Amino acid sequence: MRALIFTSTLFLMVFHSVVAMAEVEEVQATIDKNPVMVDEAIRLTITANGSANRDAFDSSALLKDFVVGRTSVNSQTSIVNFDTKRTTTWVTTLFPRKEGSYTIPSFTIEGKQTQPITVKVIPVQQSDKVARDYFVTTDIDLQEAYLNQQLLYTVKLHLASNIERGSLQSPEMPNADIRQLGDDAQYTDIINGRRYQIIERKFAIVPQASGEFTIRGPIFTGEVAAPNTNQRFGFFNRTQQVNRVGPDITIQVNPIPKNIDYPWLPSEMVRLDEEWPQGETFTVGEPITRVVTLTAIGVVEEQLPDIPEFYPPNFKLYPDQSSTTTVEKDNALIAQRMSSLALIPTQAGNIVLPEVTIPWFNTVTEKTEYATLPARTVSVSPAAPSVAGQPSQSAPLPSSALDNPTSQAPEKPDSFDTDNKPASDISSTPSYLTWLFAVLWVLTAMGWAITYRKRRSLSTSSSASLVSTGKNSLSEADAFKQLKQTIRTKNSQDISAALQQWLKLLYPDAKGIISPSQFTETQGIQQPYNDLLSARFGKSSTQWDDKAFVQAIEVARKKAKESQRAGPQSLAPLYPSV
C-alpha cells in the first residue's frame, strides 16, 4: 500500500513538473536601438519564459512596414533545486524602408501577449558630430527608361574600420534581369573629414515589364571586432554584427511606343558585320562561307532578333545553327548573334545579294534607326575547263551531286587509247590518275553535301532556332503545325519567331519582316498578335487569349490557300538584275 502511494505521489510530482514547464508565464519584446536611422537594422528579440513551440512566433505582421530578415530561435532549459525553467528566444532583423514613426505590433505566444513598441525612424545623419563607421549608398544612371533598356546601378559600401567578415546582397526589383558587371573596385576616399575604404559594385538592370518600380537597396551584413577590449580573451576576439541597407530608388519604365511595328530592340548602338573569303570573285560549284554578326549594346542575347537571310535562286544554301552570347565591357552588356551560312553558286555571272536590314530603337535619340549590310554584287565565274572525258565544270553544278548522296560518278569513256596522241599534248590526254582525281572530287562533294544536310536537319529540328533562308527545309504545313505548338507555351518571343517563319513560307516572295496586316488573308491575325504583345510589354495587365490566336491563324491559312489556288499574287521583283 505504501509503495502504491509513493508511486502515485512520484507520478503527480512529475506530472505537475511537466505541466509547469509547458506553461508560458510571460512574453517580452525588446529592440536594440530607438530611434534608428533609415539605413540601419533593428534587432527585435521576443523572449518567452516557459516551454513554447519553436514555431509559435509569426513575423508576417511586420512585413507592412519593414523588410524582415532571417529569424533565429534559441531554447534553454535549466534545473535548480528540482525547479525547471525553460526559455525560448526569437531574434529577427528588421530593416525600415522609410522615415517616420512605426509600431511593432504585439505578438501572441502560447496565449501570452507582448507589448507593442513604437519605433522612430530618422534620416541618415552625416556630420562631424555623428561618426558613422559603416553605411551603403546607391545610384542609378537613369530614373526613366524604356522596356528592356539597360540601367547602370552602382552600390558603394563605406567602411571606416576593418571588418572580420561580411556579405553584400544584390539589389532587388520585380520583373527585371539583374546581373553584376565585372569585379568589385576598392579604393579610399575622405568624406566629412573621415577616411573610408570603399568597395564599389556595379549591376546591369534590364526591366522586363513597364510601369513604376522600386529598386530595393542591397543589404550589407558583417561582423566587426567588439569595441570593448575587455571582452577579448585568449586568441579569440569577441565580434558584433553590423547590418546596413542601401537607399531604395524608384524608376519609371515606359512601354514600347505605339508606332513600333518591328521586333523591339532598344539600344545605344546596333551594328551588322559580315565576313567573306578574300576577294569577291567566286566559281560555280565551290562553297562560300558567309558569317553575319549582329551586335547590340545594353541588351541581353535573348532580345536579339533573327538575322534576315534572303538570297537569289542562283545559290544553294546550307545554314549552320546561329550562336548567341552576352559579354560585359565598360559597364555595359554587349549581346551578339552570329549566323553562319554556306553558299554554293550554281550559275555564272554577276549576282546581286540584297541588303540585310534590322530596325532598332535608339534610346538616346528616341528614334528608329537601321543596322544595314549594303547590297553587294558578286562575280561568279564558270568552273575550270574540263579535260577530255571529264564533266564540264562551266555548266551549273548538278543538283544531284549535292541533293542525292547516292548519285553516280560520270561514265568512263569506251577507250583509253592514247597511242595516237602526240606526246607533248599531255593536258588533253586522259589518264588513270586524272580519273582518280575526278572520282575523289565527286566523293568529296557527296560527303560535303551529307554533312551540310545533317547540319540543316539539326538546325530546323529545334523550335528555338527559327532560321529564315531562301531555301527553308521546313514545309509550310510543318511550320504551321510548329506555330500552333509554340502558341500553347504562351512565350511571346517564341511565338513571334514561329509566326514569322510560317508567314515567310506562306508568302515566299515577300521581302523583309512580314507583318500579319501586310496581306489581306492574314489581317485577322494582327489584333490577336497585338494583344499578345500588349500582355507581354504593355502597362496594363491585358489577358491574352491563345485560343483566339489559333483560330485566327487557321482562318488566315484557309483564306491564303484559297487565294493561292485562284491565281498567283503580283509582287515586285525580289532580286534586281544586273
Protein backbone atom coordinates (compact mmCIF):
# COMPACT_ATOMS: atom_id res chain seq x y z
CA MET A 1 0.00 0.00 0.00
CA ARG A 2 2.84 2.37 0.90
CA ALA A 3 4.58 1.51 -2.43
CA LEU A 4 1.42 2.41 -4.33
CA ILE A 5 1.09 5.75 -2.51
CA PHE A 6 4.78 6.53 -3.18
CA THR A 7 4.39 5.70 -6.87
CA SER A 8 1.28 7.87 -7.16
CA THR A 9 2.99 10.75 -5.42
CA LEU A 10 6.02 10.49 -7.70
CA PHE A 11 3.75 10.44 -10.76
CA LEU A 12 1.86 13.52 -9.59
CA MET A 13 5.13 15.37 -8.95
CA VAL A 14 6.42 14.56 -12.46
CA PHE A 15 3.03 15.48 -13.98
CA HIS A 16 2.90 18.83 -12.19
CA SER A 17 6.53 19.47 -13.19
CA VAL A 18 5.75 18.81 -16.86
CA VAL A 19 2.61 20.97 -16.72
CA ALA A 20 4.51 23.77 -15.07
CA MET A 21 7.25 23.52 -17.70
CA ALA A 22 4.72 23.53 -20.52
CA GLU A 23 3.06 26.76 -19.40
CA VAL A 24 4.32 30.10 -20.76
CA GLU A 25 4.39 32.52 -17.88
CA GLU A 26 5.49 35.71 -19.62
CA VAL A 27 6.45 37.02 -23.09
CA GLN A 28 8.55 40.14 -23.66
CA ALA A 29 9.56 42.04 -26.82
CA THR A 30 12.62 44.34 -26.95
CA ILE A 31 14.64 46.17 -29.65
CA ASP A 32 18.33 47.08 -29.57
CA LYS A 33 18.00 50.76 -30.62
CA ASN A 34 15.40 53.51 -30.80
CA PRO A 35 15.46 55.85 -32.69
CA VAL A 36 17.12 54.22 -35.69
CA MET A 37 18.46 55.66 -38.94
CA VAL A 38 16.66 54.73 -42.12
CA ASP A 39 19.55 52.60 -43.42
CA GLU A 40 20.22 50.74 -40.16
CA ALA A 41 18.79 47.46 -38.91
CA ILE A 42 16.73 46.81 -35.79
CA ARG A 43 17.16 43.62 -33.79
CA LEU A 44 13.82 42.51 -32.40
CA THR A 45 14.02 39.98 -29.57
CA ILE A 46 10.98 38.01 -28.35
CA THR A 47 11.54 36.08 -25.12
CA ALA A 48 9.06 33.51 -23.76
CA ASN A 49 9.53 32.22 -20.19
CA GLY A 50 8.26 28.67 -20.28
CA SER A 51 8.01 25.86 -22.78
CA ALA A 52 6.89 27.32 -26.11
CA ASN A 53 6.63 25.88 -29.55
CA ARG A 54 9.59 26.99 -31.68
CA ASP A 55 7.14 27.88 -34.49
CA ALA A 56 4.90 29.99 -32.25
CA PHE A 57 6.38 33.29 -33.50
CA ASP A 58 4.97 34.61 -36.81
CA SER A 59 6.77 37.65 -38.28
CA SER A 60 4.34 38.24 -41.19
CA ALA A 61 2.70 41.17 -39.33
CA LEU A 62 5.98 43.09 -39.68
CA LEU A 63 6.10 42.97 -43.49
CA LYS A 64 3.85 46.01 -43.83
CA ASP A 65 6.45 48.48 -42.53
CA PHE A 66 9.76 46.55 -42.53
CA VAL A 67 11.90 44.24 -44.58
CA VAL A 68 12.16 41.17 -42.39
CA GLY A 69 15.41 39.24 -42.30
CA ARG A 70 16.08 35.73 -41.08
CA THR A 71 14.72 34.72 -37.66
CA SER A 72 16.89 32.65 -35.31
CA VAL A 73 15.42 30.55 -32.46
CA ASN A 74 17.20 29.54 -29.27
CA SER A 75 15.82 27.38 -26.43
CA GLN A 76 17.41 27.00 -22.99
CA THR A 77 16.44 24.72 -20.09
CA SER A 78 17.81 24.94 -16.53
CA ILE A 79 17.05 22.89 -13.38
CA VAL A 80 17.84 24.40 -9.96
CA ASN A 81 16.70 22.55 -6.81
CA PHE A 82 14.29 20.48 -8.88
CA ASP A 83 12.82 23.71 -10.28
CA THR A 84 12.82 23.51 -14.09
CA LYS A 85 12.92 26.71 -16.09
CA ARG A 86 12.80 26.94 -19.86
CA THR A 87 13.27 30.00 -22.07
CA THR A 88 12.64 30.34 -25.82
CA THR A 89 14.08 33.35 -27.65
CA TRP A 90 13.41 34.57 -31.21
CA VAL A 91 15.73 37.18 -32.77
CA THR A 92 14.67 38.88 -36.02
CA THR A 93 16.46 41.58 -38.04
CA LEU A 94 14.21 44.37 -39.33
CA PHE A 95 15.10 46.96 -41.97
CA PRO A 96 12.95 50.12 -42.10
CA ARG A 97 12.49 51.46 -45.62
CA LYS A 98 11.16 54.96 -44.94
CA GLU A 99 11.45 57.69 -42.37
CA GLY A 100 8.64 58.07 -39.85
CA SER A 101 7.11 56.53 -36.78
CA TYR A 102 6.19 52.83 -36.89
CA THR A 103 4.66 50.39 -34.44
CA ILE A 104 5.92 46.88 -33.88
CA PRO A 105 2.64 45.11 -33.05
CA SER A 106 2.05 42.81 -30.09
CA PHE A 107 2.66 39.09 -30.61
CA THR A 108 0.80 36.20 -29.01
CA ILE A 109 2.92 33.25 -27.83
CA GLU A 110 1.03 30.34 -26.26
CA GLY A 111 -1.75 32.68 -25.08
CA LYS A 112 0.57 35.38 -23.72
CA GLN A 113 0.99 38.74 -25.49
CA THR A 114 3.88 41.18 -25.83
CA GLN A 115 3.53 44.94 -25.54
CA PRO A 116 3.63 46.94 -28.83
CA ILE A 117 6.74 49.04 -29.45
CA THR A 118 6.83 52.40 -31.22
CA VAL A 119 9.95 52.88 -33.37
CA LYS A 120 11.10 56.24 -34.70
CA VAL A 121 12.99 56.07 -38.00
CA ILE A 122 15.08 59.19 -38.60
CA PRO A 123 17.00 60.37 -41.69
CA VAL A 124 20.61 59.40 -42.20
CA GLN A 125 22.75 61.88 -40.26
CA GLN A 126 26.08 62.72 -41.85
CA SER A 127 28.01 65.25 -39.77
CA ASP A 128 31.15 65.59 -37.73
CA LYS A 129 29.15 65.03 -34.54
CA VAL A 130 27.70 61.75 -35.72
CA ALA A 131 30.52 59.48 -36.86
CA ARG A 132 29.24 56.62 -38.96
CA ASP A 133 31.57 53.69 -39.28
CA TYR A 134 29.61 51.77 -41.94
CA PHE A 135 27.00 52.79 -44.50
CA VAL A 136 25.84 51.94 -48.05
CA THR A 137 24.98 54.33 -50.90
CA THR A 138 23.20 53.57 -54.19
CA ASP A 139 22.98 55.36 -57.53
CA ILE A 140 21.45 54.77 -60.98
CA ASP A 141 22.25 56.42 -64.31
CA LEU A 142 18.59 56.82 -65.46
CA GLN A 143 15.39 57.11 -63.46
CA GLU A 144 13.21 56.88 -66.57
CA ALA A 145 13.86 54.30 -69.25
CA TYR A 146 12.18 52.08 -71.84
CA LEU A 147 11.23 48.45 -71.53
CA ASN A 148 14.30 46.18 -71.92
CA GLN A 149 16.69 49.16 -71.75
CA GLN A 150 19.75 48.55 -69.59
CA LEU A 151 20.18 50.65 -66.43
CA LEU A 152 23.55 51.04 -64.70
CA TYR A 153 23.17 50.63 -60.92
CA THR A 154 26.09 51.40 -58.58
CA VAL A 155 26.48 50.34 -54.94
CA LYS A 156 29.19 51.70 -52.63
CA LEU A 157 29.97 50.16 -49.23
CA HIS A 158 31.79 52.60 -46.93
CA LEU A 159 33.97 51.10 -44.16
CA ALA A 160 35.72 53.28 -41.57
CA SER A 161 37.40 50.27 -39.93
CA ASN A 162 38.28 46.73 -40.83
CA ILE A 163 35.63 44.03 -40.72
CA GLU A 164 36.11 40.39 -39.78
CA ARG A 165 33.77 39.13 -42.48
CA GLY A 166 30.79 40.39 -44.43
CA SER A 167 28.46 39.95 -47.39
CA LEU A 168 26.65 42.39 -49.67
CA GLN A 169 23.45 41.22 -51.32
CA SER A 170 22.28 42.20 -54.80
CA PRO A 171 19.58 44.83 -55.29
CA GLU A 172 16.06 43.58 -55.85
CA MET A 173 13.45 44.67 -58.39
CA PRO A 174 10.39 42.76 -59.62
CA ASN A 175 10.22 41.87 -63.33
CA ALA A 176 13.88 42.64 -64.03
CA ASP A 177 17.05 40.86 -65.14
CA ILE A 178 19.82 41.90 -62.70
CA ARG A 179 23.46 40.99 -63.39
CA GLN A 180 26.68 42.07 -61.71
CA LEU A 181 29.14 43.83 -64.04
CA GLY A 182 32.79 42.92 -63.60
CA ASP A 183 34.63 42.65 -60.30
CA ASP A 184 34.44 44.91 -57.26
CA ALA A 185 36.52 48.08 -57.25
CA GLN A 186 38.29 49.03 -53.99
CA TYR A 187 39.69 52.45 -53.14
CA THR A 188 39.77 55.03 -50.31
CA ASP A 189 38.06 58.42 -50.03
CA ILE A 190 37.61 61.12 -47.38
CA ILE A 191 34.00 62.01 -46.51
CA ASN A 192 33.19 64.68 -43.91
CA GLY A 193 36.81 64.64 -42.80
CA ARG A 194 36.88 60.89 -42.25
CA ARG A 195 38.73 58.31 -44.33
CA TYR A 196 36.74 55.36 -45.64
CA GLN A 197 37.64 52.25 -47.52
CA ILE A 198 35.07 51.97 -50.31
CA ILE A 199 34.00 48.79 -52.09
CA GLU A 200 32.15 49.63 -55.31
CA ARG A 201 29.99 47.12 -57.17
CA LYS A 202 28.05 47.73 -60.40
CA PHE A 203 24.95 45.98 -61.71
CA ALA A 204 23.11 45.97 -65.03
CA ILE A 205 19.34 46.08 -64.53
CA VAL A 206 17.17 45.25 -67.57
CA PRO A 207 13.44 45.79 -66.79
CA GLN A 208 11.14 43.13 -68.24
CA ALA A 209 7.85 44.97 -67.66
CA SER A 210 6.66 48.58 -67.87
CA GLY A 211 5.36 50.74 -65.03
CA GLU A 212 6.74 52.30 -61.84
CA PHE A 213 9.10 50.09 -59.85
CA THR A 214 11.20 50.42 -56.70
CA ILE A 215 14.72 49.04 -56.70
CA ARG A 216 15.30 47.73 -53.20
CA GLY A 217 18.74 48.68 -51.89
CA PRO A 218 21.19 45.85 -51.16
CA ILE A 219 21.70 44.68 -47.58
CA PHE A 220 25.16 44.51 -46.02
CA THR A 221 25.74 42.09 -43.15
CA GLY A 222 29.14 41.95 -41.46
CA GLU A 223 30.97 41.20 -38.26
CA VAL A 224 33.39 43.63 -36.63
CA ALA A 225 35.52 43.42 -33.52
CA ALA A 226 33.64 44.41 -30.37
CA PRO A 227 34.60 47.92 -29.17
CA ASN A 228 35.02 46.77 -25.55
CA THR A 229 38.55 45.39 -25.35
CA ASN A 230 37.76 43.68 -22.03
CA GLN A 231 35.68 41.17 -23.96
CA ARG A 232 38.74 39.81 -25.68
CA PHE A 233 40.18 36.63 -24.31
CA GLY A 234 42.83 34.15 -25.43
CA PHE A 235 43.45 34.02 -29.14
CA PHE A 236 39.83 34.93 -29.94
CA ASN A 237 38.14 38.30 -30.19
CA ARG A 238 34.51 38.91 -29.49
CA THR A 239 32.65 40.30 -32.50
CA GLN A 240 29.39 42.09 -33.05
CA GLN A 241 27.11 42.09 -36.05
CA VAL A 242 26.61 45.15 -38.26
CA ASN A 243 23.69 45.50 -40.68
CA ARG A 244 23.20 48.28 -43.22
CA VAL A 245 20.84 48.68 -46.16
CA GLY A 246 21.21 50.86 -49.25
CA PRO A 247 18.56 53.50 -50.08
CA ASP A 248 15.69 52.50 -52.37
CA ILE A 249 15.41 54.07 -55.83
CA THR A 250 12.13 54.47 -57.73
CA ILE A 251 12.23 54.35 -61.54
CA GLN A 252 9.70 54.70 -64.35
CA VAL A 253 9.78 52.12 -67.16
CA ASN A 254 7.99 53.24 -70.32
CA PRO A 255 6.27 50.70 -72.59
CA ILE A 256 7.08 50.13 -76.27
CA PRO A 257 5.98 53.13 -78.35
CA LYS A 258 2.80 52.54 -80.32
CA ASN A 259 4.40 53.21 -83.70
CA ILE A 260 6.90 50.34 -83.34
CA ASP A 261 5.96 47.52 -85.76
CA TYR A 262 9.21 45.54 -85.62
CA PRO A 263 10.87 43.29 -83.00
CA TRP A 264 11.66 45.60 -80.08
CA LEU A 265 15.40 46.23 -79.70
CA PRO A 266 16.26 49.29 -77.53
CA SER A 267 19.96 50.14 -77.54
CA GLU A 268 22.53 52.89 -77.82
CA MET A 269 24.28 51.17 -80.73
CA VAL A 270 23.44 48.28 -83.06
CA ARG A 271 25.56 47.16 -85.98
CA LEU A 272 25.80 44.39 -88.56
CA ASP A 273 29.12 42.97 -89.75
CA GLU A 274 29.98 40.24 -92.23
CA GLU A 275 32.94 38.03 -93.01
CA TRP A 276 33.68 36.90 -96.56
CA PRO A 277 36.53 34.99 -98.16
CA GLN A 278 39.23 37.17 -99.67
CA GLY A 279 38.06 38.74 -102.92
CA GLU A 280 34.60 38.82 -104.45
CA THR A 281 35.14 36.52 -107.42
CA PHE A 282 33.80 33.03 -106.95
CA THR A 283 33.47 29.87 -109.00
CA VAL A 284 30.46 27.77 -109.84
CA GLY A 285 30.26 24.72 -107.60
CA GLU A 286 32.73 25.96 -104.97
CA PRO A 287 31.26 26.64 -101.48
CA ILE A 288 31.47 30.10 -99.90
CA THR A 289 31.05 30.70 -96.17
CA ARG A 290 29.40 33.95 -95.14
CA VAL A 291 29.28 34.92 -91.45
CA VAL A 292 26.94 37.74 -90.39
CA THR A 293 27.22 39.14 -86.84
CA LEU A 294 24.60 41.29 -85.10
CA THR A 295 25.94 43.31 -82.15
CA ALA A 296 23.86 45.41 -79.73
CA ILE A 297 24.88 47.33 -76.59
CA GLY A 298 22.77 47.36 -73.44
CA VAL A 299 20.67 44.25 -74.15
CA VAL A 300 20.89 40.55 -73.41
CA GLU A 301 21.14 37.87 -76.07
CA GLU A 302 17.51 36.78 -75.63
CA GLN A 303 16.41 40.17 -77.01
CA LEU A 304 18.28 39.86 -80.31
CA PRO A 305 16.06 39.21 -83.36
CA ASP A 306 16.88 36.68 -86.05
CA ILE A 307 19.12 37.93 -88.85
CA PRO A 308 17.15 38.06 -92.14
CA GLU A 309 18.65 35.80 -94.81
CA PHE A 310 17.40 36.31 -98.36
CA TYR A 311 19.41 35.10 -101.34
CA PRO A 312 18.79 34.77 -105.07
CA PRO A 313 17.93 31.35 -106.51
CA ASN A 314 21.44 31.26 -108.03
CA PHE A 315 22.76 29.74 -104.79
CA LYS A 316 22.24 26.56 -102.87
CA LEU A 317 22.06 27.39 -99.15
CA TYR A 318 23.32 25.33 -96.22
CA PRO A 319 22.74 27.33 -92.99
CA ASP A 320 24.52 26.49 -89.76
CA GLN A 321 22.81 26.98 -86.40
CA SER A 322 23.29 30.56 -85.17
CA SER A 323 25.03 31.20 -81.85
CA THR A 324 24.37 33.94 -79.28
CA THR A 325 26.31 35.29 -76.35
CA THR A 326 26.31 38.17 -73.84
CA VAL A 327 29.53 39.72 -72.54
CA GLU A 328 30.35 42.62 -70.22
CA LYS A 329 32.58 45.52 -71.21
CA ASP A 330 32.92 49.10 -69.99
CA ASN A 331 29.99 48.77 -67.56
CA ALA A 332 27.60 47.62 -70.27
CA LEU A 333 26.12 44.38 -71.55
CA ILE A 334 27.01 43.54 -75.16
CA ALA A 335 24.93 40.90 -76.92
CA GLN A 336 25.90 39.20 -80.17
CA ARG A 337 24.20 36.83 -82.59
CA MET A 338 26.42 35.10 -85.17
CA SER A 339 24.86 33.41 -88.18
CA SER A 340 26.99 31.24 -90.49
CA LEU A 341 25.82 30.19 -93.94
CA ALA A 342 27.47 28.17 -96.71
CA LEU A 343 26.51 29.14 -100.27
CA ILE A 344 27.24 27.25 -103.47
CA PRO A 345 26.89 29.25 -106.71
CA THR A 346 25.06 27.29 -109.39
CA GLN A 347 25.26 29.81 -112.24
CA ALA A 348 27.98 32.06 -113.62
CA GLY A 349 27.55 35.82 -113.92
CA ASN A 350 27.20 38.94 -111.77
CA ILE A 351 24.70 38.26 -108.98
CA VAL A 352 23.23 40.86 -106.62
CA LEU A 353 22.90 39.92 -102.96
CA PRO A 354 20.14 42.06 -101.39
CA GLU A 355 20.89 44.26 -98.41
CA VAL A 356 20.33 42.99 -94.86
CA THR A 357 18.46 45.44 -92.64
CA ILE A 358 17.47 45.22 -88.97
CA PRO A 359 15.45 48.07 -87.40
CA TRP A 360 16.21 49.12 -83.82
CA PHE A 361 15.21 51.85 -81.36
CA ASN A 362 17.90 54.36 -80.40
CA THR A 363 17.39 55.09 -76.69
CA VAL A 364 19.48 58.27 -76.94
CA THR A 365 17.64 59.95 -79.82
CA GLU A 366 14.36 58.03 -79.15
CA LYS A 367 14.06 57.32 -82.87
CA THR A 368 14.01 54.22 -85.07
CA GLU A 369 17.28 53.52 -86.83
CA TYR A 370 18.52 50.70 -89.08
CA ALA A 371 21.55 48.46 -88.93
CA THR A 372 22.33 47.59 -92.55
CA LEU A 373 24.64 45.49 -94.64
CA PRO A 374 24.50 47.12 -98.07
CA ALA A 375 23.65 45.11 -101.18
CA ARG A 376 26.67 43.71 -102.94
CA THR A 377 27.37 42.32 -106.40
CA VAL A 378 29.44 39.16 -106.59
CA SER A 379 31.06 37.83 -109.72
CA VAL A 380 30.70 34.09 -110.27
CA SER A 381 32.98 32.65 -112.91
CA PRO A 382 32.39 29.34 -114.72
CA ALA A 383 34.06 26.26 -113.41
CA ALA A 384 37.53 25.39 -114.72
CA PRO A 385 37.56 23.85 -118.24
CA SER A 386 37.38 20.10 -118.15
CA VAL A 387 39.91 17.74 -119.59
CA ALA A 388 38.83 15.14 -122.08
CA GLY A 389 36.49 12.60 -120.58
CA GLN A 390 35.68 14.75 -117.53
CA PRO A 391 32.36 16.52 -116.97
CA SER A 392 32.34 20.18 -117.94
CA GLN A 393 32.90 22.50 -114.99
CA SER A 394 31.50 25.54 -116.79
CA ALA A 395 27.98 24.21 -116.52
CA PRO A 396 25.97 24.73 -113.33
CA LEU A 397 26.80 22.32 -110.53
CA PRO A 398 24.42 19.35 -110.92
CA SER A 399 21.93 19.32 -108.09
CA SER A 400 22.20 15.54 -107.91
CA ALA A 401 25.79 15.88 -106.76
CA LEU A 402 24.56 17.55 -103.57
CA ASP A 403 20.93 16.60 -103.11
CA ASN A 404 21.37 12.92 -103.90
CA PRO A 405 24.14 11.34 -101.87
CA THR A 406 23.91 8.16 -103.94
CA SER A 407 24.47 9.81 -107.33
CA GLN A 408 26.94 8.01 -109.54
CA ALA A 409 30.20 9.31 -110.99
CA PRO A 410 30.31 10.08 -114.76
CA GLU A 411 30.61 7.12 -117.04
CA LYS A 412 34.06 6.15 -118.27
CA PRO A 413 34.92 6.58 -121.93
CA ASP A 414 34.86 3.49 -124.06
CA SER A 415 38.58 3.63 -124.74
CA PHE A 416 41.74 4.88 -123.04
CA ASP A 417 43.83 4.54 -126.20
CA THR A 418 46.46 7.31 -126.21
CA ASP A 419 48.92 5.78 -128.58
CA ASN A 420 47.83 8.03 -131.46
CA LYS A 421 48.06 11.26 -129.38
CA PRO A 422 51.14 13.49 -129.59
CA ALA A 423 53.45 13.03 -126.61
CA SER A 424 53.59 16.78 -125.95
CA ASP A 425 49.77 17.15 -125.63
CA ILE A 426 49.62 15.92 -122.04
CA SER A 427 46.73 18.20 -120.96
CA SER A 428 44.36 16.65 -123.43
CA THR A 429 45.36 13.08 -122.67
CA PRO A 430 43.18 11.34 -120.05
CA SER A 431 44.99 9.06 -117.62
CA TYR A 432 44.13 6.81 -114.74
CA LEU A 433 45.47 9.49 -112.35
CA THR A 434 43.10 12.07 -113.84
CA TRP A 435 40.14 9.75 -113.36
CA LEU A 436 41.24 9.03 -109.81
CA PHE A 437 41.12 12.78 -109.02
CA ALA A 438 37.70 13.01 -110.67
CA VAL A 439 36.30 10.20 -108.54
CA LEU A 440 37.82 11.75 -105.39
CA TRP A 441 36.25 15.11 -106.29
CA VAL A 442 32.79 13.56 -106.62
CA LEU A 443 33.17 11.65 -103.34
CA THR A 444 34.30 14.85 -101.59
CA ALA A 445 31.28 16.76 -102.93
CA MET A 446 28.97 13.94 -101.75
CA GLY A 447 30.48 13.92 -98.26
CA TRP A 448 30.28 17.70 -98.05
CA ALA A 449 26.63 17.63 -99.05
CA ILE A 450 25.77 14.94 -96.48
CA THR A 451 27.48 16.98 -93.72
CA TYR A 452 25.55 20.15 -94.51
CA ARG A 453 22.27 18.31 -94.89
CA LYS A 454 22.76 16.92 -91.38
CA ARG A 455 23.52 20.40 -90.07
CA ARG A 456 20.42 21.80 -91.74
CA SER A 457 18.31 19.00 -90.28
CA LEU A 458 19.64 19.69 -86.78
CA SER A 459 19.10 23.41 -87.26
CA THR A 460 15.44 23.08 -88.13
CA SER A 461 14.62 20.34 -85.63
CA SER A 462 14.77 22.75 -82.70
CA SER A 463 11.79 25.01 -82.11
CA ALA A 464 14.07 27.66 -80.63
CA SER A 465 16.07 28.01 -83.87
CA LEU A 466 13.77 29.53 -86.49
CA VAL A 467 16.09 30.43 -89.34
CA SER A 468 14.57 32.10 -92.39
CA THR A 469 16.53 31.46 -95.57
CA GLY A 470 15.90 31.45 -99.26
CA LYS A 471 15.51 27.68 -99.11
CA ASN A 472 13.86 26.57 -95.88
CA SER A 473 13.92 22.86 -95.11
CA LEU A 474 10.55 23.11 -93.32
CA SER A 475 7.38 22.89 -95.34
CA GLU A 476 4.62 25.41 -94.83
CA ALA A 477 2.45 22.72 -93.21
CA ASP A 478 5.24 21.80 -90.77
CA ALA A 479 5.83 25.46 -89.89
CA PHE A 480 2.10 25.94 -89.29
CA LYS A 481 2.00 22.90 -87.00
CA GLN A 482 5.07 24.17 -85.15
CA LEU A 483 3.43 27.59 -84.70
CA LYS A 484 0.33 26.04 -83.11
CA GLN A 485 2.51 24.04 -80.72
CA THR A 486 4.51 27.16 -79.80
CA ILE A 487 1.32 29.13 -79.05
CA ARG A 488 0.49 26.64 -76.30
CA THR A 489 3.70 27.66 -74.47
CA LYS A 490 2.47 31.31 -74.34
CA ASN A 491 6.05 32.51 -74.77
CA SER A 492 5.72 35.73 -76.79
CA GLN A 493 9.28 35.67 -78.12
CA ASP A 494 9.00 32.08 -79.44
CA ILE A 495 5.53 32.78 -80.85
CA SER A 496 6.78 35.84 -82.75
CA ALA A 497 9.64 33.85 -84.29
CA ALA A 498 7.38 30.90 -85.20
CA LEU A 499 4.77 33.25 -86.71
CA GLN A 500 7.44 34.98 -88.79
CA GLN A 501 8.76 31.66 -90.08
CA TRP A 502 5.29 30.43 -91.11
CA LEU A 503 4.43 33.74 -92.86
CA LYS A 504 7.67 33.59 -94.85
CA LEU A 505 6.82 30.08 -96.03
CA LEU A 506 3.22 31.06 -96.73
CA TYR A 507 4.38 34.07 -98.78
CA PRO A 508 7.85 33.07 -100.05
CA ASP A 509 8.09 36.11 -102.35
CA ALA A 510 7.61 38.65 -99.55
CA LYS A 511 10.66 40.68 -98.56
CA GLY A 512 11.90 41.58 -95.09
CA ILE A 513 9.97 41.17 -91.86
CA ILE A 514 6.35 40.28 -92.59
CA SER A 515 3.52 41.87 -90.62
CA PRO A 516 0.19 39.96 -90.46
CA SER A 517 -1.59 43.11 -91.67
CA GLN A 518 0.54 43.14 -94.82
CA PHE A 519 -1.70 40.65 -96.64
CA THR A 520 -5.47 40.62 -96.89
CA GLU A 521 -5.75 36.95 -95.92
CA THR A 522 -3.75 37.33 -92.67
CA GLN A 523 -5.09 40.67 -91.44
CA GLY A 524 -7.25 38.85 -88.88
CA ILE A 525 -4.07 37.72 -87.06
CA GLN A 526 -2.89 41.26 -86.34
CA GLN A 527 -5.27 42.01 -83.45
CA PRO A 528 -4.61 38.74 -81.51
CA TYR A 529 -0.90 39.31 -82.11
CA ASN A 530 -1.16 42.88 -80.77
CA ASP A 531 -2.97 41.51 -77.71
CA LEU A 532 -0.06 39.12 -77.16
CA LEU A 533 2.49 41.95 -77.29
CA SER A 534 0.31 44.14 -75.07
CA ALA A 535 0.03 41.39 -72.46
CA ARG A 536 3.81 40.92 -72.53
CA PHE A 537 5.05 44.51 -72.74
CA GLY A 538 2.14 46.87 -72.06
CA LYS A 539 1.40 48.83 -68.90
CA SER A 540 -1.98 47.24 -68.22
CA SER A 541 -2.35 43.56 -67.38
CA THR A 542 -4.12 42.57 -70.59
CA GLN A 543 -5.34 38.99 -70.76
CA TRP A 544 -4.21 37.18 -73.89
CA ASP A 545 -6.46 34.53 -75.47
CA ASP A 546 -4.33 31.81 -77.07
CA LYS A 547 -7.42 30.04 -78.44
CA ALA A 548 -8.41 33.17 -80.37
CA PHE A 549 -4.88 33.31 -81.80
CA VAL A 550 -5.09 29.69 -83.00
CA GLN A 551 -8.50 30.32 -84.55
CA ALA A 552 -7.19 33.44 -86.33
CA ILE A 553 -4.21 31.67 -87.93
CA GLU A 554 -6.39 28.74 -89.03
CA VAL A 555 -8.83 31.11 -90.78
CA ALA A 556 -5.93 33.06 -92.33
CA ARG A 557 -4.29 29.90 -93.67
CA LYS A 558 -7.53 28.74 -95.24
CA LYS A 559 -8.02 32.11 -96.96
CA ALA A 560 -4.40 32.18 -98.16
CA LYS A 561 -4.66 28.70 -99.66
CA GLU A 562 -7.86 29.63 -101.47
CA SER A 563 -6.26 32.81 -102.79
CA GLN A 564 -3.18 30.92 -104.00
CA ARG A 565 -5.33 28.39 -105.84
CA ALA A 566 -7.19 31.26 -107.52
CA GLY A 567 -4.02 32.65 -109.04
CA PRO A 568 -0.51 33.96 -108.29
CA GLN A 569 -0.07 37.25 -106.49
CA SER A 570 1.58 40.15 -108.24
CA LEU A 571 4.68 41.27 -106.31
CA ALA A 572 7.64 43.39 -107.24
CA PRO A 573 10.82 41.50 -108.25
CA LEU A 574 12.82 40.48 -105.18
CA TYR A 575 16.23 40.33 -106.85
CA PRO A 576 17.25 43.07 -109.28
CA SER A 577 19.02 42.02 -112.42
CA VAL A 578 22.43 43.32 -113.37
